[in-house]
Amino acid sequence: MRLGDIEWMSGDSRDLLRDLYIQMTLFQIKPTTVVDYEREVFIYEYGNVRVTFDSNVKTSYRSIYFPTK
């Protein structure tokens, strides 16, 4: 697989990836920002409540590499 190759997405079994492939090919959209973060999740056992806290959020605009920690 070469950098920027998305053909593999067309045959993936996950609907989300196939939908993304269609959007990327029809409308020529592509990722421009990479975001990296640490997430802490809390789920209330007796209800439908989930709270997340994100920390150490890092981003790089128009880069294919994740920021280093």
PDB file of N, CA and C in Angstrom:
ATOM      1  N   MET A   1       0.850  -1.174   0.000  1.00  0.00           N
ATOM      2  CA  MET A   1       0.000   0.000   0.000  1.00  0.00           C
ATOM      3  C   MET A   1       0.897   1.239   0.000  1.00  0.00           C
ATOM      4  N   ARG A   2       0.559   2.182  -0.835  1.00  0.00           N
ATOM      5  CA  ARG A   2       1.332   3.416  -0.888  1.00  0.00           C
ATOM      6  C   ARG A   2       0.605   4.542  -0.159  1.00  0.00           C
ATOM      7  N   LEU A   3       1.354   5.546   0.215  1.00  0.00           N
ATOM      8  CA  LEU A   3       0.801   6.683   0.938  1.00  0.00           C
ATOM      9  C   LEU A   3      -0.333   7.320   0.143  1.00  0.00           C
ATOM     10  N   GLY A   4      -1.466   7.516   0.766  1.00  0.00           N
ATOM     11  CA  GLY A   4      -2.605   8.138   0.113  1.00  0.00           C
ATOM     12  C   GLY A   4      -3.519   7.169  -0.619  1.00  0.00           C
ATOM     13  N   ASP A   5      -3.163   5.895  -0.658  1.00  0.00           N
ATOM     14  CA  ASP A   5      -3.985   4.891  -1.339  1.00  0.00           C
ATOM     15  C   ASP A   5      -5.218   4.576  -0.495  1.00  0.00           C
ATOM     16  N   ILE A   6      -6.389   4.758  -1.061  1.00  0.00           N
ATOM     17  CA  ILE A   6      -7.626   4.491  -0.323  1.00  0.00           C
ATOM     18  C   ILE A   6      -8.448   3.369  -0.947  1.00  0.00           C
ATOM     19  N   GLU A   7      -7.949   2.739  -1.986  1.00  0.00           N
ATOM     20  CA  GLU A   7      -8.703   1.681  -2.664  1.00  0.00           C
ATOM     21  C   GLU A   7      -9.080   0.542  -1.723  1.00  0.00           C
ATOM     22  N   TRP A   8      -8.247   0.267  -0.733  1.00  0.00           N
ATOM     23  CA  TRP A   8      -8.536  -0.814   0.207  1.00  0.00           C
ATOM     24  C   TRP A   8      -9.834  -0.576   0.963  1.00  0.00           C
ATOM     25  N   MET A   9     -10.225   0.693   1.096  1.00  0.00           N
ATOM     26  CA  MET A   9     -11.436   1.030   1.836  1.00  0.00           C
ATOM     27  C   MET A   9     -12.697   0.560   1.118  1.00  0.00           C
ATOM     28  N   SER A  10     -12.652   0.463  -0.202  1.00  0.00           N
ATOM     29  CA  SER A  10     -13.849   0.119  -0.966  1.00  0.00           C
ATOM     30  C   SER A  10     -14.329  -1.298  -0.680  1.00  0.00           C
ATOM     31  N   GLY A  11     -13.427  -2.199  -0.321  1.00  0.00           N
ATOM     32  CA  GLY A  11     -13.807  -3.576  -0.050  1.00  0.00           C
ATOM     33  C   GLY A  11     -13.880  -3.926   1.418  1.00  0.00           C
ATOM     34  N   ASP A  12     -13.748  -2.929   2.296  1.00  0.00           N
ATOM     35  CA  ASP A  12     -13.769  -3.184   3.732  1.00  0.00           C
ATOM     36  C   ASP A  12     -15.174  -3.583   4.176  1.00  0.00           C
ATOM     37  N   SER A  13     -15.265  -4.434   5.171  1.00  0.00           N
ATOM     38  CA  SER A  13     -16.565  -4.918   5.647  1.00  0.00           C
ATOM     39  C   SER A  13     -17.300  -3.892   6.510  1.00  0.00           C
ATOM     40  N   ARG A  14     -16.614  -2.856   6.973  1.00  0.00           N
ATOM     41  CA  ARG A  14     -17.245  -1.855   7.835  1.00  0.00           C
ATOM     42  C   ARG A  14     -17.941  -0.780   6.996  1.00  0.00           C
ATOM     43  N   ASP A  15     -19.219  -0.561   7.273  1.00  0.00           N
ATOM     44  CA  ASP A  15     -20.011   0.422   6.526  1.00  0.00           C
ATOM     45  C   ASP A  15     -19.404   1.815   6.584  1.00  0.00           C
ATOM     46  N   LEU A  16     -18.909   2.205   7.750  1.00  0.00           N
ATOM     47  CA  LEU A  16     -18.354   3.546   7.909  1.00  0.00           C
ATOM     48  C   LEU A  16     -17.185   3.780   6.958  1.00  0.00           C
ATOM     49  N   LEU A  17     -16.293   2.815   6.834  1.00  0.00           N
ATOM     50  CA  LEU A  17     -15.142   2.982   5.942  1.00  0.00           C
ATOM     51  C   LEU A  17     -15.565   3.005   4.477  1.00  0.00           C
ATOM     52  N   ARG A  18     -16.543   2.192   4.124  1.00  0.00           N
ATOM     53  CA  ARG A  18     -17.028   2.212   2.738  1.00  0.00           C
ATOM     54  C   ARG A  18     -17.712   3.549   2.423  1.00  0.00           C
ATOM     55  N   ASP A  19     -18.484   4.069   3.369  1.00  0.00           N
ATOM     56  CA  ASP A  19     -19.121   5.377   3.176  1.00  0.00           C
ATOM     57  C   ASP A  19     -18.075   6.485   3.053  1.00  0.00           C
ATOM     58  N   LEU A  20     -17.044   6.422   3.884  1.00  0.00           N
ATOM     59  CA  LEU A  20     -15.968   7.401   3.801  1.00  0.00           C
ATOM     60  C   LEU A  20     -15.266   7.318   2.450  1.00  0.00           C
ATOM     61  N   TYR A  21     -15.049   6.115   1.960  1.00  0.00           N
ATOM     62  CA  TYR A  21     -14.416   5.924   0.654  1.00  0.00           C
ATOM     63  C   TYR A  21     -15.249   6.593  -0.444  1.00  0.00           C
ATOM     64  N   ILE A  22     -16.560   6.408  -0.388  1.00  0.00           N
ATOM     65  CA  ILE A  22     -17.437   7.024  -1.388  1.00  0.00           C
ATOM     66  C   ILE A  22     -17.330   8.543  -1.333  1.00  0.00           C
ATOM     67  N   GLN A  23     -17.373   9.102  -0.129  1.00  0.00           N
ATOM     68  CA  GLN A  23     -17.253  10.557   0.024  1.00  0.00           C
ATOM     69  C   GLN A  23     -15.910  11.071  -0.495  1.00  0.00           C
ATOM     70  N   MET A  24     -14.851  10.321  -0.204  1.00  0.00           N
ATOM     71  CA  MET A  24     -13.511  10.749  -0.624  1.00  0.00           C
ATOM     72  C   MET A  24     -13.341  10.669  -2.136  1.00  0.00           C
ATOM     73  N   THR A  25     -13.976   9.698  -2.782  1.00  0.00           N
ATOM     74  CA  THR A  25     -13.823   9.578  -4.229  1.00  0.00           C
ATOM     75  C   THR A  25     -14.775  10.507  -4.979  1.00  0.00           C
ATOM     76  N   LEU A  26     -16.010  10.640  -4.515  1.00  0.00           N
ATOM     77  CA  LEU A  26     -16.969  11.495  -5.214  1.00  0.00           C
ATOM     78  C   LEU A  26     -16.676  12.977  -5.043  1.00  0.00           C
ATOM     79  N   PHE A  27     -16.334  13.378  -3.827  1.00  0.00           N
ATOM     80  CA  PHE A  27     -16.166  14.795  -3.531  1.00  0.00           C
ATOM     81  C   PHE A  27     -14.713  15.215  -3.309  1.00  0.00           C
ATOM     82  N   GLN A  28     -13.791  14.274  -3.514  1.00  0.00           N
ATOM     83  CA  GLN A  28     -12.356  14.556  -3.392  1.00  0.00           C
ATOM     84  C   GLN A  28     -11.982  15.149  -2.043  1.00  0.00           C
ATOM     85  N   ILE A  29     -12.668  14.703  -0.976  1.00  0.00           N
ATOM     86  CA  ILE A  29     -12.300  15.172   0.357  1.00  0.00           C
ATOM     87  C   ILE A  29     -11.151  14.323   0.883  1.00  0.00           C
ATOM     88  N   LYS A  30     -10.364  14.898   1.761  1.00  0.00           N
ATOM     89  CA  LYS A  30      -9.261  14.170   2.377  1.00  0.00           C
ATOM     90  C   LYS A  30      -8.952  14.786   3.731  1.00  0.00           C
ATOM     91  N   PRO A  31      -8.362  13.990   4.616  1.00  0.00           N
ATOM     92  CA  PRO A  31      -8.026  14.524   5.945  1.00  0.00           C
ATOM     93  C   PRO A  31      -6.962  15.618   5.834  1.00  0.00           C
ATOM     94  N   THR A  32      -7.118  16.651   6.654  1.00  0.00           N
ATOM     95  CA  THR A  32      -6.107  17.707   6.679  1.00  0.00           C
ATOM     96  C   THR A  32      -5.558  17.959   8.072  1.00  0.00           C
ATOM     97  N   THR A  33      -6.163  17.375   9.081  1.00  0.00           N
ATOM     98  CA  THR A  33      -5.714  17.581  10.446  1.00  0.00           C
ATOM     99  C   THR A  33      -5.659  16.247  11.180  1.00  0.00           C
ATOM    100  N   VAL A  34      -4.591  16.041  11.912  1.00  0.00           N
ATOM    101  CA  VAL A  34      -4.452  14.851  12.750  1.00  0.00           C
ATOM    102  C   VAL A  34      -4.557  15.311  14.196  1.00  0.00           C
ATOM    103  N   VAL A  35      -5.401  14.629  14.974  1.00  0.00           N
ATOM    104  CA  VAL A  35      -5.577  14.966  16.380  1.00  0.00           C
ATOM    105  C   VAL A  35      -5.228  13.745  17.214  1.00  0.00           C
ATOM    106  N   ASP A  36      -4.429  13.957  18.236  1.00  0.00           N
ATOM    107  CA  ASP A  36      -4.046  12.888  19.151  1.00  0.00           C
ATOM    108  C   ASP A  36      -4.398  13.336  20.565  1.00  0.00           C
ATOM    109  N   TYR A  37      -4.912  12.430  21.367  1.00  0.00           N
ATOM    110  CA  TYR A  37      -5.304  12.800  22.721  1.00  0.00           C
ATOM    111  C   TYR A  37      -5.385  11.566  23.593  1.00  0.00           C
ATOM    112  N   GLU A  38      -5.413  11.797  24.892  1.00  0.00           N
ATOM    113  CA  GLU A  38      -5.651  10.735  25.862  1.00  0.00           C
ATOM    114  C   GLU A  38      -7.066  10.920  26.393  1.00  0.00           C
ATOM    115  N   ARG A  39      -7.822   9.822  26.479  1.00  0.00           N
ATOM    116  CA  ARG A  39      -9.217   9.902  26.906  1.00  0.00           C
ATOM    117  C   ARG A  39      -9.438   9.051  28.147  1.00  0.00           C
ATOM    118  N   GLU A  40     -10.119   9.649  29.115  1.00  0.00           N
ATOM    119  CA  GLU A  40     -10.514   8.933  30.320  1.00  0.00           C
ATOM    120  C   GLU A  40     -12.035   8.831  30.316  1.00  0.00           C
ATOM    121  N   VAL A  41     -12.565   7.619  30.443  1.00  0.00           N
ATOM    122  CA  VAL A  41     -13.998   7.369  30.321  1.00  0.00           C
ATOM    123  C   VAL A  41     -14.575   6.938  31.663  1.00  0.00           C
ATOM    124  N   PHE A  42     -15.711   7.507  31.994  1.00  0.00           N
ATOM    125  CA  PHE A  42     -16.449   7.116  33.183  1.00  0.00           C
ATOM    126  C   PHE A  42     -17.860   6.748  32.759  1.00  0.00           C
ATOM    127  N   ILE A  43     -18.323   5.559  33.167  1.00  0.00           N
ATOM    128  CA  ILE A  43     -19.663   5.097  32.832  1.00  0.00           C
ATOM    129  C   ILE A  43     -20.415   4.827  34.125  1.00  0.00           C
ATOM    130  N   TYR A  44     -21.601   5.446  34.233  1.00  0.00           N
ATOM    131  CA  TYR A  44     -22.442   5.229  35.399  1.00  0.00           C
ATOM    132  C   TYR A  44     -23.116   3.876  35.251  1.00  0.00           C
ATOM    133  N   GLU A  45     -22.900   3.014  36.194  1.00  0.00           N
ATOM    134  CA  GLU A  45     -23.330   1.622  36.119  1.00  0.00           C
ATOM    135  C   GLU A  45     -24.849   1.460  36.033  1.00  0.00           C
ATOM    136  N   TYR A  46     -25.614   2.372  36.610  1.00  0.00           N
ATOM    137  CA  TYR A  46     -27.054   2.186  36.736  1.00  0.00           C
ATOM    138  C   TYR A  46     -27.871   3.058  35.790  1.00  0.00           C
ATOM    139  N   GLY A  47     -27.297   3.531  34.753  1.00  0.00           N
ATOM    140  CA  GLY A  47     -28.044   4.363  33.817  1.00  0.00           C
ATOM    141  C   GLY A  47     -27.313   4.482  32.501  1.00  0.00           C
ATOM    142  N   ASN A  48     -27.853   5.256  31.644  1.00  0.00           N
ATOM    143  CA  ASN A  48     -27.271   5.455  30.330  1.00  0.00           C
ATOM    144  C   ASN A  48     -26.448   6.744  30.333  1.00  0.00           C
ATOM    145  N   VAL A  49     -25.411   6.778  31.164  1.00  0.00           N
ATOM    146  CA  VAL A  49     -24.593   7.977  31.304  1.00  0.00           C
ATOM    147  C   VAL A  49     -23.127   7.628  31.064  1.00  0.00           C
ATOM    148  N   ARG A  50     -22.496   8.395  30.202  1.00  0.00           N
ATOM    149  CA  ARG A  50     -21.070   8.230  29.919  1.00  0.00           C
ATOM    150  C   ARG A  50     -20.442   9.615  29.865  1.00  0.00           C
ATOM    151  N   VAL A  51     -19.353   9.797  30.583  1.00  0.00           N
ATOM    152  CA  VAL A  51     -18.629  11.062  30.607  1.00  0.00           C
ATOM    153  C   VAL A  51     -17.193  10.780  30.195  1.00  0.00           C
ATOM    154  N   THR A  52     -16.660  11.616  29.314  1.00  0.00           N
ATOM    155  CA  THR A  52     -15.258  11.454  28.909  1.00  0.00           C
ATOM    156  C   THR A  52     -14.508  12.749  29.153  1.00  0.00           C
ATOM    157  N   PHE A  53     -13.253  12.602  29.545  1.00  0.00           N
ATOM    158  CA  PHE A  53     -12.346  13.730  29.707  1.00  0.00           C
ATOM    159  C   PHE A  53     -11.158  13.507  28.791  1.00  0.00           C
ATOM    160  N   ASP A  54     -10.900  14.460  27.908  1.00  0.00           N
ATOM    161  CA  ASP A  54      -9.763  14.381  27.006  1.00  0.00           C
ATOM    162  C   ASP A  54      -8.654  15.284  27.535  1.00  0.00           C
ATOM    163  N   SER A  55      -7.422  14.778  27.484  1.00  0.00           N
ATOM    164  CA  SER A  55      -6.280  15.567  27.930  1.00  0.00           C
ATOM    165  C   SER A  55      -5.111  15.341  26.976  1.00  0.00           C
ATOM    166  N   ASN A  56      -4.086  16.137  27.127  1.00  0.00           N
ATOM    167  CA  ASN A  56      -2.907  16.078  26.259  1.00  0.00           C
ATOM    168  C   ASN A  56      -3.299  16.112  24.786  1.00  0.00           C
ATOM    169  N   VAL A  57      -4.207  17.014  24.453  1.00  0.00           N
ATOM    170  CA  VAL A  57      -4.690  17.135  23.077  1.00  0.00           C
ATOM    171  C   VAL A  57      -3.608  17.801  22.236  1.00  0.00           C
ATOM    172  N   LYS A  58      -3.275  17.149  21.110  1.00  0.00           N
ATOM    173  CA  LYS A  58      -2.260  17.674  20.194  1.00  0.00           C
ATOM    174  C   LYS A  58      -2.804  17.573  18.780  1.00  0.00           C
ATOM    175  N   THR A  59      -2.441  18.527  17.948  1.00  0.00           N
ATOM    176  CA  THR A  59      -2.892  18.516  16.573  1.00  0.00           C
ATOM    177  C   THR A  59      -1.771  18.964  15.646  1.00  0.00           C
ATOM    178  N   SER A  60      -1.861  18.530  14.422  1.00  0.00           N
ATOM    179  CA  SER A  60      -0.920  18.990  13.407  1.00  0.00           C
ATOM    180  C   SER A  60      -1.705  19.205  12.122  1.00  0.00           C
ATOM    181  N   TYR A  61      -1.642  20.378  11.589  1.00  0.00           N
ATOM    182  CA  TYR A  61      -2.397  20.756  10.400  1.00  0.00           C
ATOM    183  C   TYR A  61      -1.663  20.306   9.147  1.00  0.00           C
ATOM    184  N   ARG A  62      -2.367  19.609   8.280  1.00  0.00           N
ATOM    185  CA  ARG A  62      -1.839  19.129   6.998  1.00  0.00           C
ATOM    186  C   ARG A  62      -0.591  18.278   7.157  1.00  0.00           C
ATOM    187  N   SER A  63      -0.628  17.372   8.090  1.00  0.00           N
ATOM    188  CA  SER A  63       0.484  16.464   8.315  1.00  0.00           C
ATOM    189  C   SER A  63      -0.047  15.042   8.332  1.00  0.00           C
ATOM    190  N   ILE A  64       0.761  14.100   7.854  1.00  0.00           N
ATOM    191  CA  ILE A  64       0.334  12.706   7.840  1.00  0.00           C
ATOM    192  C   ILE A  64       0.871  11.952   9.055  1.00  0.00           C
ATOM    193  N   TYR A  65       1.648  12.635   9.869  1.00  0.00           N
ATOM    194  CA  TYR A  65       2.264  11.978  11.013  1.00  0.00           C
ATOM    195  C   TYR A  65       1.616  12.416  12.301  1.00  0.00           C
ATOM    196  N   PHE A  66       1.416  11.474  13.225  1.00  0.00           N
ATOM    197  CA  PHE A  66       0.861  11.815  14.523  1.00  0.00           C
ATOM    198  C   PHE A  66       1.905  12.554  15.351  1.00  0.00           C
ATOM    199  N   PRO A  67       1.468  13.517  16.147  1.00  0.00           N
ATOM    200  CA  PRO A  67       2.403  14.204  17.032  1.00  0.00           C
ATOM    201  C   PRO A  67       3.004  13.222  18.042  1.00  0.00           C
ATOM    202  N   THR A  68       4.218  13.475  18.425  1.00  0.00           N
ATOM    203  CA  THR A  68       4.851  12.596  19.415  1.00  0.00           C
ATOM    204  C   THR A  68       4.411  12.999  20.812  1.00  0.00           C
ATOM    205  N   LYS A  69       4.408  12.025  21.681  1.00  0.00           N
ATOM    206  CA  LYS A  69       3.987  12.296  23.070  1.00  0.00           C
ATOM    207  C   LYS A  69       5.170  12.663  23.912  1.00  0.00           C
TER     208      LYS A  69
END
